[in-house]
PDB file of N, CA and C in Angstrom:
ATOM      1  N   UNK A   1      19.557  23.025   3.908  1.00  0.00           N
ATOM      2  CA  UNK A   1      17.956  23.404   4.764  1.00  0.00           C
ATOM      3  C   UNK A   1      16.901  23.122   3.736  1.00  0.00           C
ATOM      4  N   UNK A   2      15.852  22.502   4.494  1.00  0.00           N
ATOM      5  CA  UNK A   2      14.833  22.552   3.395  1.00  0.00           C
ATOM      6  C   UNK A   2      13.714  22.999   3.760  1.00  0.00           C
ATOM      7  N   UNK A   3      12.320  24.279   2.624  1.00  0.00           N
ATOM      8  CA  UNK A   3      11.311  25.049   2.944  1.00  0.00           C
ATOM      9  C   UNK A   3      10.294  23.902   2.440  1.00  0.00           C
ATOM     10  N   UNK A   4       9.180  23.768   3.259  1.00  0.00           N
ATOM     11  CA  UNK A   4       8.070  23.556   2.569  1.00  0.00           C
ATOM     12  C   UNK A   4       7.142  24.675   2.604  1.00  0.00           C
ATOM     13  N   UNK A   5       6.766  24.480   1.211  1.00  0.00           N
ATOM     14  CA  UNK A   5       5.816  25.559   1.226  1.00  0.00           C
ATOM     15  C   UNK A   5       4.063  24.367   0.854  1.00  0.00           C
ATOM     16  N   UNK A   6       2.883  24.611   1.330  1.00  0.00           N
ATOM     17  CA  UNK A   6       1.852  23.812   1.247  1.00  0.00           C
ATOM     18  C   UNK A   6       0.990  24.602   1.017  1.00  0.00           C
ATOM     19  N   UNK A   7       0.263  24.654  -0.368  1.00  0.00           N
ATOM     20  CA  UNK A   7      -0.271  25.275  -0.879  1.00  0.00           C
ATOM     21  C   UNK A   7      -2.415  24.918  -0.818  1.00  0.00           C
ATOM     22  N   UNK A   8      -2.738  25.160  -1.679  1.00  0.00           N
ATOM     23  CA  UNK A   8      -4.258  24.770  -1.985  1.00  0.00           C
ATOM     24  C   UNK A   8      -4.138  23.716  -3.517  1.00  0.00           C
ATOM     25  N   UNK A   9      -3.543  23.832  -4.151  1.00  0.00           N
ATOM     26  CA  UNK A   9      -3.309  22.966  -4.632  1.00  0.00           C
ATOM     27  C   UNK A   9      -1.431  22.263  -5.373  1.00  0.00           C
ATOM     28  N   UNK A  10      -0.913  23.029  -4.546  1.00  0.00           N
ATOM     29  CA  UNK A  10       0.278  22.360  -5.078  1.00  0.00           C
ATOM     30  C   UNK A  10       0.992  22.670  -3.576  1.00  0.00           C
ATOM     31  N   UNK A  11       2.036  21.744  -3.684  1.00  0.00           N
ATOM     32  CA  UNK A  11       3.628  21.516  -2.749  1.00  0.00           C
ATOM     33  C   UNK A  11       4.644  22.054  -3.341  1.00  0.00           C
ATOM     34  N   UNK A  12       5.746  22.308  -2.947  1.00  0.00           N
ATOM     35  CA  UNK A  12       6.724  22.803  -3.835  1.00  0.00           C
ATOM     36  C   UNK A  12       7.899  22.274  -2.093  1.00  0.00           C
ATOM     37  N   UNK A  13       9.230  21.794  -2.407  1.00  0.00           N
ATOM     38  CA  UNK A  13      10.191  21.482  -1.710  1.00  0.00           C
ATOM     39  C   UNK A  13      10.902  22.048  -2.312  1.00  0.00           C
ATOM     40  N   UNK A  14      11.920  23.296  -1.113  1.00  0.00           N
ATOM     41  CA  UNK A  14      12.917  24.089  -1.756  1.00  0.00           C
ATOM     42  C   UNK A  14      14.267  23.680  -1.129  1.00  0.00           C
ATOM     43  N   UNK A  15      14.932  23.128  -1.405  1.00  0.00           N
ATOM     44  CA  UNK A  15      16.044  22.457  -1.020  1.00  0.00           C
ATOM     45  C   UNK A  15      17.496  23.792  -1.197  1.00  0.00           C
ATOM     46  N   UNK A  16      18.266  23.866  -0.327  1.00  0.00           N
ATOM     47  CA  UNK A  16      18.937  24.802   0.356  1.00  0.00           C
ATOM     48  C   UNK A  16      18.963  26.149  -0.957  1.00  0.00           C
ATOM     49  N   UNK A  17      18.205  26.673  -1.387  1.00  0.00           N
ATOM     50  CA  UNK A  17      17.957  27.515  -2.126  1.00  0.00           C
ATOM     51  C   UNK A  17      18.434  27.146  -3.826  1.00  0.00           C
ATOM     52  N   UNK A  18      18.781  25.914  -3.981  1.00  0.00           N
ATOM     53  CA  UNK A  18      19.358  25.445  -5.263  1.00  0.00           C
ATOM     54  C   UNK A  18      18.256  25.196  -6.168  1.00  0.00           C
ATOM     55  N   UNK A  19      17.177  24.553  -5.482  1.00  0.00           N
ATOM     56  CA  UNK A  19      16.105  23.353  -6.228  1.00  0.00           C
ATOM     57  C   UNK A  19      14.596  23.612  -5.776  1.00  0.00           C
ATOM     58  N   UNK A  20      13.708  23.452  -6.160  1.00  0.00           N
ATOM     59  CA  UNK A  20      12.247  23.597  -5.703  1.00  0.00           C
ATOM     60  C   UNK A  20      11.678  22.456  -7.028  1.00  0.00           C
ATOM     61  N   UNK A  21      11.014  21.696  -5.955  1.00  0.00           N
ATOM     62  CA  UNK A  21      10.237  20.491  -6.471  1.00  0.00           C
ATOM     63  C   UNK A  21       8.725  20.830  -6.422  1.00  0.00           C
ATOM     64  N   UNK A  22       8.386  21.093  -7.578  1.00  0.00           N
ATOM     65  CA  UNK A  22       7.133  20.997  -7.133  1.00  0.00           C
ATOM     66  C   UNK A  22       5.817  19.975  -7.641  1.00  0.00           C
ATOM     67  N   UNK A  23       4.616  19.791  -6.865  1.00  0.00           N
ATOM     68  CA  UNK A  23       4.364  18.753  -6.561  1.00  0.00           C
ATOM     69  C   UNK A  23       2.670  19.132  -6.873  1.00  0.00           C
ATOM     70  N   UNK A  24       1.746  18.811  -7.476  1.00  0.00           N
ATOM     71  CA  UNK A  24       0.589  18.594  -7.127  1.00  0.00           C
ATOM     72  C   UNK A  24      -0.115  18.467  -6.153  1.00  0.00           C
ATOM     73  N   UNK A  25      -1.328  18.445  -5.409  1.00  0.00           N
ATOM     74  CA  UNK A  25      -2.098  17.952  -4.382  1.00  0.00           C
ATOM     75  C   UNK A  25      -3.123  17.616  -4.483  1.00  0.00           C
ATOM     76  N   UNK A  26      -3.728  16.559  -3.923  1.00  0.00           N
ATOM     77  CA  UNK A  26      -5.145  16.751  -3.266  1.00  0.00           C
ATOM     78  C   UNK A  26      -5.493  16.596  -2.190  1.00  0.00           C
ATOM     79  N   UNK A  27      -6.475  17.373  -1.431  1.00  0.00           N
ATOM     80  CA  UNK A  27      -7.085  17.832  -0.249  1.00  0.00           C
ATOM     81  C   UNK A  27      -8.102  17.076  -0.368  1.00  0.00           C
ATOM     82  N   UNK A  28      -8.025  15.969   1.134  1.00  0.00           N
ATOM     83  CA  UNK A  28      -8.731  14.653   1.526  1.00  0.00           C
ATOM     84  C   UNK A  28      -9.561  15.964   2.709  1.00  0.00           C
ATOM     85  N   UNK A  29      -8.713  16.150   3.555  1.00  0.00           N
ATOM     86  CA  UNK A  29      -9.683  17.408   4.287  1.00  0.00           C
ATOM     87  C   UNK A  29      -8.630  18.085   4.853  1.00  0.00           C
ATOM     88  N   UNK A  30      -9.431  18.895   5.651  1.00  0.00           N
ATOM     89  CA  UNK A  30      -8.145  20.612   6.248  1.00  0.00           C
ATOM     90  C   UNK A  30      -7.144  19.851   7.190  1.00  0.00           C
ATOM     91  N   UNK A  31      -6.726  18.593   7.156  1.00  0.00           N
ATOM     92  CA  UNK A  31      -5.799  18.148   7.681  1.00  0.00           C
ATOM     93  C   UNK A  31      -5.017  17.219   6.870  1.00  0.00           C
ATOM     94  N   UNK A  32      -5.660  16.935   6.018  1.00  0.00           N
ATOM     95  CA  UNK A  32      -5.331  15.686   5.208  1.00  0.00           C
ATOM     96  C   UNK A  32      -4.630  16.355   3.395  1.00  0.00           C
ATOM     97  N   UNK A  33      -3.626  15.547   2.633  1.00  0.00           N
ATOM     98  CA  UNK A  33      -3.677  15.529   1.570  1.00  0.00           C
ATOM     99  C   UNK A  33      -2.654  14.581   1.095  1.00  0.00           C
ATOM    100  N   UNK A  34      -2.883  14.605  -0.470  1.00  0.00           N
ATOM    101  CA  UNK A  34      -2.108  13.835  -1.067  1.00  0.00           C
ATOM    102  C   UNK A  34      -0.796  14.297  -2.026  1.00  0.00           C
ATOM    103  N   UNK A  35      -0.028  14.104  -1.860  1.00  0.00           N
ATOM    104  CA  UNK A  35       0.831  14.542  -3.055  1.00  0.00           C
ATOM    105  C   UNK A  35       0.797  13.777  -4.336  1.00  0.00           C
ATOM    106  N   UNK A  36       1.102  14.632  -5.316  1.00  0.00           N
ATOM    107  CA  UNK A  36       0.887  13.510  -6.755  1.00  0.00           C
ATOM    108  C   UNK A  36       2.384  13.616  -7.199  1.00  0.00           C
ATOM    109  N   UNK A  37       2.309  12.525  -7.781  1.00  0.00           N
ATOM    110  CA  UNK A  37       3.815  12.733  -8.415  1.00  0.00           C
ATOM    111  C   UNK A  37       4.124  13.122  -9.553  1.00  0.00           C
ATOM    112  N   UNK A  38       5.310  14.100  -9.947  1.00  0.00           N
ATOM    113  CA  UNK A  38       5.252  14.906 -10.764  1.00  0.00           C
ATOM    114  C   UNK A  38       7.037  15.127 -11.302  1.00  0.00           C
ATOM    115  N   UNK A  39       7.877  15.732 -12.342  1.00  0.00           N
ATOM    116  CA  UNK A  39       8.459  15.997 -12.253  1.00  0.00           C
ATOM    117  C   UNK A  39       8.584  17.684 -12.699  1.00  0.00           C
ATOM    118  N   UNK A  40       7.522  17.916 -11.833  1.00  0.00           N
ATOM    119  CA  UNK A  40       7.980  19.855 -12.531  1.00  0.00           C
ATOM    120  C   UNK A  40       9.216  20.363 -11.504  1.00  0.00           C
ATOM    121  N   UNK A  41      10.358  20.146 -12.049  1.00  0.00           N
ATOM    122  CA  UNK A  41      11.829  21.233 -11.046  1.00  0.00           C
ATOM    123  C   UNK A  41      12.055  22.318 -11.382  1.00  0.00           C
ATOM    124  N   UNK A  42      12.263  23.048 -10.536  1.00  0.00           N
ATOM    125  CA  UNK A  42      13.379  24.233 -11.049  1.00  0.00           C
ATOM    126  C   UNK A  42      14.831  24.169 -10.357  1.00  0.00           C
ATOM    127  N   UNK A  43      15.719  23.422 -10.907  1.00  0.00           N
ATOM    128  CA  UNK A  43      16.596  22.937 -10.338  1.00  0.00           C
ATOM    129  C   UNK A  43      17.697  23.552 -10.893  1.00  0.00           C
ATOM    130  N   UNK A  44      19.386  23.588 -10.291  1.00  0.00           N
ATOM    131  CA  UNK A  44      20.574  23.964 -11.150  1.00  0.00           C
ATOM    132  C   UNK A  44      21.335  22.612 -11.708  1.00  0.00           C
ATOM    133  N   UNK A  45      20.858  20.929 -10.925  1.00  0.00           N
ATOM    134  CA  UNK A  45      21.521  19.977 -11.277  1.00  0.00           C
ATOM    135  C   UNK A  45      20.326  19.048 -11.577  1.00  0.00           C
ATOM    136  N   UNK A  46      20.940  17.867 -11.975  1.00  0.00           N
ATOM    137  CA  UNK A  46      19.840  16.582 -11.732  1.00  0.00           C
ATOM    138  C   UNK A  46      19.400  16.098 -10.983  1.00  0.00           C
ATOM    139  N   UNK A  47      17.839  16.037 -10.994  1.00  0.00           N
ATOM    140  CA  UNK A  47      17.461  15.941  -9.549  1.00  0.00           C
ATOM    141  C   UNK A  47      16.843  14.303  -9.574  1.00  0.00           C
ATOM    142  N   UNK A  48      17.692  13.476 -10.509  1.00  0.00           N
ATOM    143  CA  UNK A  48      17.109  11.807  -9.865  1.00  0.00           C
ATOM    144  C   UNK A  48      15.406  11.538  -9.941  1.00  0.00           C
ATOM    145  N   UNK A  49      14.644  12.337 -10.732  1.00  0.00           N
ATOM    146  CA  UNK A  49      13.505  11.890 -10.170  1.00  0.00           C
ATOM    147  C   UNK A  49      13.052  10.770 -11.731  1.00  0.00           C
ATOM    148  N   UNK A  50      13.924  10.869 -12.923  1.00  0.00           N
ATOM    149  CA  UNK A  50      13.673   9.642 -14.027  1.00  0.00           C
ATOM    150  C   UNK A  50      14.029   8.894 -14.002  1.00  0.00           C
ATOM    151  N   UNK A  51      15.637   8.609 -12.678  1.00  0.00           N
ATOM    152  CA  UNK A  51      15.683   7.169 -12.569  1.00  0.00           C
ATOM    153  C   UNK A  51      14.896   6.604 -11.530  1.00  0.00           C
ATOM    154  N   UNK A  52      15.112   5.393 -11.503  1.00  0.00           N
ATOM    155  CA  UNK A  52      14.116   3.842 -10.945  1.00  0.00           C
ATOM    156  C   UNK A  52      15.513   3.559  -9.883  1.00  0.00           C
ATOM    157  N   UNK A  53      16.551   3.589  -9.953  1.00  0.00           N
ATOM    158  CA  UNK A  53      17.284   2.838  -8.551  1.00  0.00           C
ATOM    159  C   UNK A  53      17.285   1.396  -8.810  1.00  0.00           C
ATOM    160  N   UNK A  54      16.832   0.659  -9.687  1.00  0.00           N
ATOM    161  CA  UNK A  54      16.326  -0.561  -9.642  1.00  0.00           C
ATOM    162  C   UNK A  54      15.367  -0.908  -8.629  1.00  0.00           C
ATOM    163  N   UNK A  55      14.469  -0.169  -8.406  1.00  0.00           N
ATOM    164  CA  UNK A  55      13.323  -0.521  -7.542  1.00  0.00           C
ATOM    165  C   UNK A  55      12.437  -1.338  -8.230  1.00  0.00           C
ATOM    166  N   UNK A  56      11.617  -1.972  -7.375  1.00  0.00           N
ATOM    167  CA  UNK A  56      10.476  -2.897  -7.835  1.00  0.00           C
ATOM    168  C   UNK A  56       9.485  -1.709  -8.126  1.00  0.00           C
ATOM    169  N   UNK A  57       9.059  -1.062  -7.446  1.00  0.00           N
ATOM    170  CA  UNK A  57       8.184  -0.558  -7.645  1.00  0.00           C
ATOM    171  C   UNK A  57       7.964   1.493  -7.727  1.00  0.00           C
ATOM    172  N   UNK A  58       8.034   1.971  -8.231  1.00  0.00           N
ATOM    173  CA  UNK A  58       8.327   3.131  -8.437  1.00  0.00           C
ATOM    174  C   UNK A  58       7.533   4.407  -8.937  1.00  0.00           C
ATOM    175  N   UNK A  59       7.188   5.303  -8.340  1.00  0.00           N
ATOM    176  CA  UNK A  59       6.178   6.599  -8.106  1.00  0.00           C
ATOM    177  C   UNK A  59       6.016   6.502  -9.448  1.00  0.00           C
ATOM    178  N   UNK A  60       4.395   6.811 -10.247  1.00  0.00           N
ATOM    179  CA  UNK A  60       3.877   6.670 -11.377  1.00  0.00           C
ATOM    180  C   UNK A  60       3.471   8.633 -11.903  1.00  0.00           C
ATOM    181  N   UNK A  61       4.240   8.807 -12.482  1.00  0.00           N
ATOM    182  CA  UNK A  61       3.450  10.319 -12.469  1.00  0.00           C
ATOM    183  C   UNK A  61       2.315  10.341 -12.771  1.00  0.00           C
ATOM    184  N   UNK A  62       1.496  11.703 -12.843  1.00  0.00           N
ATOM    185  CA  UNK A  62       0.331  11.840 -11.736  1.00  0.00           C
ATOM    186  C   UNK A  62      -0.367  11.133 -11.009  1.00  0.00           C
ATOM    187  N   UNK A  63       0.024  10.730 -10.669  1.00  0.00           N
ATOM    188  CA  UNK A  63      -0.238   8.880  -9.398  1.00  0.00           C
ATOM    189  C   UNK A  63      -0.027   9.505  -7.717  1.00  0.00           C
ATOM    190  N   UNK A  64      -0.714   9.655  -6.458  1.00  0.00           N
ATOM    191  CA  UNK A  64      -0.123   9.664  -5.747  1.00  0.00           C
ATOM    192  C   UNK A  64       0.622   9.139  -5.155  1.00  0.00           C
ATOM    193  N   UNK A  65       1.702   9.920  -4.444  1.00  0.00           N
ATOM    194  CA  UNK A  65       2.566   9.468  -4.333  1.00  0.00           C
ATOM    195  C   UNK A  65       2.719   9.306  -2.588  1.00  0.00           C
ATOM    196  N   UNK A  66       2.157  10.056  -1.827  1.00  0.00           N
ATOM    197  CA  UNK A  66       2.108   9.573   0.053  1.00  0.00           C
ATOM    198  C   UNK A  66       1.233  10.878   0.280  1.00  0.00           C
ATOM    199  N   UNK A  67       0.666  10.632   1.294  1.00  0.00           N
ATOM    200  CA  UNK A  67      -0.242  11.025   2.106  1.00  0.00           C
ATOM    201  C   UNK A  67       0.038  11.617   3.327  1.00  0.00           C
ATOM    202  N   UNK A  68       0.110  13.006   3.601  1.00  0.00           N
ATOM    203  CA  UNK A  68       0.733  13.949   4.298  1.00  0.00           C
ATOM    204  C   UNK A  68      -1.022  14.296   5.063  1.00  0.00           C
ATOM    205  N   UNK A  69      -0.276  14.414   6.434  1.00  0.00           N
ATOM    206  CA  UNK A  69      -1.357  14.759   7.679  1.00  0.00           C
ATOM    207  C   UNK A  69      -0.971  15.691   8.819  1.00  0.00           C
ATOM    208  N   UNK A  70      -1.431  16.602   9.373  1.00  0.00           N
ATOM    209  CA  UNK A  70      -0.964  17.489  10.191  1.00  0.00           C
ATOM    210  C   UNK A  70      -1.503  17.366  11.250  1.00  0.00           C
ATOM    211  N   UNK A  71      -0.979  17.093  12.340  1.00  0.00           N
ATOM    212  CA  UNK A  71      -1.981  16.924  13.865  1.00  0.00           C
ATOM    213  C   UNK A  71      -0.994  17.409  15.306  1.00  0.00           C
ATOM    214  N   UNK A  72      -1.577  18.512  15.289  1.00  0.00           N
ATOM    215  CA  UNK A  72      -1.020  19.074  16.637  1.00  0.00           C
ATOM    216  C   UNK A  72      -0.004  19.877  16.012  1.00  0.00           C
ATOM    217  N   UNK A  73       0.313  20.356  15.277  1.00  0.00           N
ATOM    218  CA  UNK A  73       1.669  20.825  14.306  1.00  0.00           C
ATOM    219  C   UNK A  73       2.572  20.574  14.118  1.00  0.00           C
ATOM    220  N   UNK A  74       2.060  19.262  13.934  1.00  0.00           N
ATOM    221  CA  UNK A  74       3.368  18.271  13.319  1.00  0.00           C
ATOM    222  C   UNK A  74       3.267  17.683  11.649  1.00  0.00           C
ATOM    223  N   UNK A  75       3.983  17.591  10.798  1.00  0.00           N
ATOM    224  CA  UNK A  75       3.291  16.875  10.035  1.00  0.00           C
ATOM    225  C   UNK A  75       4.011  15.538   9.274  1.00  0.00           C
ATOM    226  N   UNK A  76       3.022  14.509   9.123  1.00  0.00           N
ATOM    227  CA  UNK A  76       3.402  13.154   9.628  1.00  0.00           C
ATOM    228  C   UNK A  76       3.468  12.581   7.759  1.00  0.00           C
ATOM    229  N   UNK A  77       4.244  11.680   7.156  1.00  0.00           N
ATOM    230  CA  UNK A  77       3.952  11.599   5.939  1.00  0.00           C
ATOM    231  C   UNK A  77       4.082   9.503   5.895  1.00  0.00           C
ATOM    232  N   UNK A  78       2.779   9.767   5.149  1.00  0.00           N
ATOM    233  CA  UNK A  78       2.799   8.117   4.590  1.00  0.00           C
ATOM    234  C   UNK A  78       3.487   8.201   3.300  1.00  0.00           C
ATOM    235  N   UNK A  79       3.992   7.438   3.196  1.00  0.00           N
ATOM    236  CA  UNK A  79       4.584   7.268   1.736  1.00  0.00           C
ATOM    237  C   UNK A  79       4.341   5.968   1.058  1.00  0.00           C
ATOM    238  N   UNK A  80       3.860   5.673  -0.165  1.00  0.00           N
ATOM    239  CA  UNK A  80       2.823   4.788  -0.702  1.00  0.00           C
ATOM    240  C   UNK A  80       3.427   3.885  -1.359  1.00  0.00           C
ATOM    241  N   UNK A  81       5.537   3.929  -1.424  1.00  0.00           N
ATOM    242  CA  UNK A  81       6.186   3.077  -1.862  1.00  0.00           C
ATOM    243  C   UNK A  81       7.028   3.771  -0.683  1.00  0.00           C
ATOM    244  N   UNK A  82       7.124   1.464  -0.418  1.00  0.00           N
ATOM    245  CA  UNK A  82       7.456   1.579   0.770  1.00  0.00           C
ATOM    246  C   UNK A  82       9.271   1.609   0.864  1.00  0.00           C
ATOM    247  N   UNK A  83       9.608   1.290  -0.354  1.00  0.00           N
ATOM    248  CA  UNK A  83      11.636   1.159  -0.524  1.00  0.00           C
ATOM    249  C   UNK A  83      12.287   2.790  -0.658  1.00  0.00           C
TER     250      UNK A  83
END
């Protein structure tokens, strides 16, 4: 079970009541915002965000990771790291 909380300055992903990941956001418009990569986490276990998993392009701390768009009540995500 995942809960997504979107605020004016941050985005919080809550997973199964055990982990919450917090990310700053940059508002683009009333329906679009960018998620900034961070390692701010409250979790009972290692979330793996420090790992690269041998990926060529990995998210950079404090840089945009994805753009979210809300259209007709649906949340769409465009990830900047295809892998």
